[in-house]
Amino acid sequence: MTDKQYVVGVLRDMLNYYYDNIGKKSKYAREIITPKMIGTLTTRYLELGGKLTSEPNEVDWGEVQEV
């Protein structure tokens, strides 16, 4: 596994975690997970060659306290 592959894997795991925990405090950044954070992370993931799945992510926006 190359360094790049490792980083892409970490970013993929972070994206999955962020989608599952939007509006809550992140265990990575120690800040509230916002759509902007997800967008920034997604951009970097794609720049490094990551692929997005075709499955839609179910986000419960009712749990979001602040953005």
C-alpha atoms as a PDB file:
ATOM      1  CA  MET A   1       0.000   0.000   0.000  1.00  0.00           C
ATOM      2  CA  THR A   2       1.377   3.398  -0.967  1.00  0.00           C
ATOM      3  CA  ASP A   3       1.185   6.501   1.206  1.00  0.00           C
ATOM      4  CA  LYS A   4      -1.383   7.957  -1.193  1.00  0.00           C
ATOM      5  CA  GLN A   5      -3.577   4.866  -0.960  1.00  0.00           C
ATOM      6  CA  TYR A   6      -3.368   5.014   2.816  1.00  0.00           C
ATOM      7  CA  VAL A   7      -4.406   8.689   2.894  1.00  0.00           C
ATOM      8  CA  VAL A   8      -7.292   8.062   0.479  1.00  0.00           C
ATOM      9  CA  GLY A   9      -8.475   5.232   2.766  1.00  0.00           C
ATOM     10  CA  VAL A  10      -8.302   7.467   5.841  1.00  0.00           C
ATOM     11  CA  LEU A  11     -10.215  10.232   4.046  1.00  0.00           C
ATOM     12  CA  ARG A  12     -12.878   7.718   2.936  1.00  0.00           C
ATOM     13  CA  ASP A  13     -13.309   6.557   6.523  1.00  0.00           C
ATOM     14  CA  MET A  14     -13.536  10.172   7.714  1.00  0.00           C
ATOM     15  CA  LEU A  15     -16.193  10.961   5.096  1.00  0.00           C
ATOM     16  CA  ASN A  16     -18.287   7.993   6.186  1.00  0.00           C
ATOM     17  CA  TYR A  17     -17.929   9.050   9.819  1.00  0.00           C
ATOM     18  CA  TYR A  18     -18.810  12.680   9.007  1.00  0.00           C
ATOM     19  CA  TYR A  19     -21.943  11.688   7.080  1.00  0.00           C
ATOM     20  CA  ASP A  20     -23.079   9.491   9.959  1.00  0.00           C
ATOM     21  CA  ASN A  21     -22.401  12.209  12.559  1.00  0.00           C
ATOM     22  CA  ILE A  22     -23.257  15.520  10.883  1.00  0.00           C
ATOM     23  CA  GLY A  23     -24.190  18.146  13.443  1.00  0.00           C
ATOM     24  CA  LYS A  24     -22.258  16.373  16.188  1.00  0.00           C
ATOM     25  CA  LYS A  25     -18.761  16.974  17.553  1.00  0.00           C
ATOM     26  CA  SER A  26     -16.102  15.288  15.419  1.00  0.00           C
ATOM     27  CA  LYS A  27     -13.658  12.850  16.992  1.00  0.00           C
ATOM     28  CA  TYR A  28     -11.128  13.990  14.372  1.00  0.00           C
ATOM     29  CA  ALA A  29     -11.434  17.789  14.343  1.00  0.00           C
ATOM     30  CA  ARG A  30     -13.073  18.292  17.761  1.00  0.00           C
ATOM     31  CA  GLU A  31     -15.553  20.665  16.081  1.00  0.00           C
ATOM     32  CA  ILE A  32     -19.176  20.354  15.010  1.00  0.00           C
ATOM     33  CA  ILE A  33     -19.372  18.524  11.674  1.00  0.00           C
ATOM     34  CA  THR A  34     -20.824  20.863   9.047  1.00  0.00           C
ATOM     35  CA  PRO A  35     -21.675  20.519   5.347  1.00  0.00           C
ATOM     36  CA  LYS A  36     -18.698  22.793   4.600  1.00  0.00           C
ATOM     37  CA  MET A  37     -16.345  20.368   6.381  1.00  0.00           C
ATOM     38  CA  ILE A  38     -17.763  17.482   4.376  1.00  0.00           C
ATOM     39  CA  GLY A  39     -17.395  19.474   1.152  1.00  0.00           C
ATOM     40  CA  THR A  40     -13.761  20.316   1.872  1.00  0.00           C
ATOM     41  CA  LEU A  41     -12.945  16.719   2.754  1.00  0.00           C
ATOM     42  CA  THR A  42     -14.767  15.421  -0.332  1.00  0.00           C
ATOM     43  CA  THR A  43     -12.810  17.786  -2.587  1.00  0.00           C
ATOM     44  CA  ARG A  44      -9.467  16.568  -1.215  1.00  0.00           C
ATOM     45  CA  TYR A  45     -10.600  12.929  -1.397  1.00  0.00           C
ATOM     46  CA  LEU A  46     -11.490  13.308  -5.080  1.00  0.00           C
ATOM     47  CA  GLU A  47      -8.255  15.208  -5.829  1.00  0.00           C
ATOM     48  CA  LEU A  48      -6.284  12.236  -4.526  1.00  0.00           C
ATOM     49  CA  GLY A  49      -8.222   9.791  -6.712  1.00  0.00           C
ATOM     50  CA  GLY A  50     -10.938   8.662  -4.335  1.00  0.00           C
ATOM     51  CA  LYS A  51     -14.233   7.489  -5.835  1.00  0.00           C
ATOM     52  CA  LEU A  52     -17.663   8.351  -4.496  1.00  0.00           C
ATOM     53  CA  THR A  53     -20.247   5.583  -4.257  1.00  0.00           C
ATOM     54  CA  SER A  54     -23.536   5.853  -6.056  1.00  0.00           C
ATOM     55  CA  GLU A  55     -25.391   5.194  -2.795  1.00  0.00           C
ATOM     56  CA  PRO A  56     -27.047   8.299  -1.386  1.00  0.00           C
ATOM     57  CA  ASN A  57     -26.148   9.111   2.201  1.00  0.00           C
ATOM     58  CA  GLU A  58     -29.073   9.491   4.540  1.00  0.00           C
ATOM     59  CA  VAL A  59     -28.459  12.618   6.606  1.00  0.00           C
ATOM     60  CA  ASP A  60     -30.862  13.406   9.425  1.00  0.00           C
ATOM     61  CA  TRP A  61     -30.796  17.210   9.254  1.00  0.00           C
ATOM     62  CA  GLY A  62     -33.121  17.364  12.264  1.00  0.00           C
ATOM     63  CA  GLU A  63     -30.200  16.455  14.518  1.00  0.00           C
ATOM     64  CA  VAL A  64     -28.065  19.371  13.315  1.00  0.00           C
ATOM     65  CA  GLN A  65     -27.875  21.938  16.130  1.00  0.00           C
ATOM     66  CA  GLU A  66     -25.784  24.597  14.369  1.00  0.00           C
ATOM     67  CA  VAL A  67     -23.839  25.110  11.161  1.00  0.00           C
END
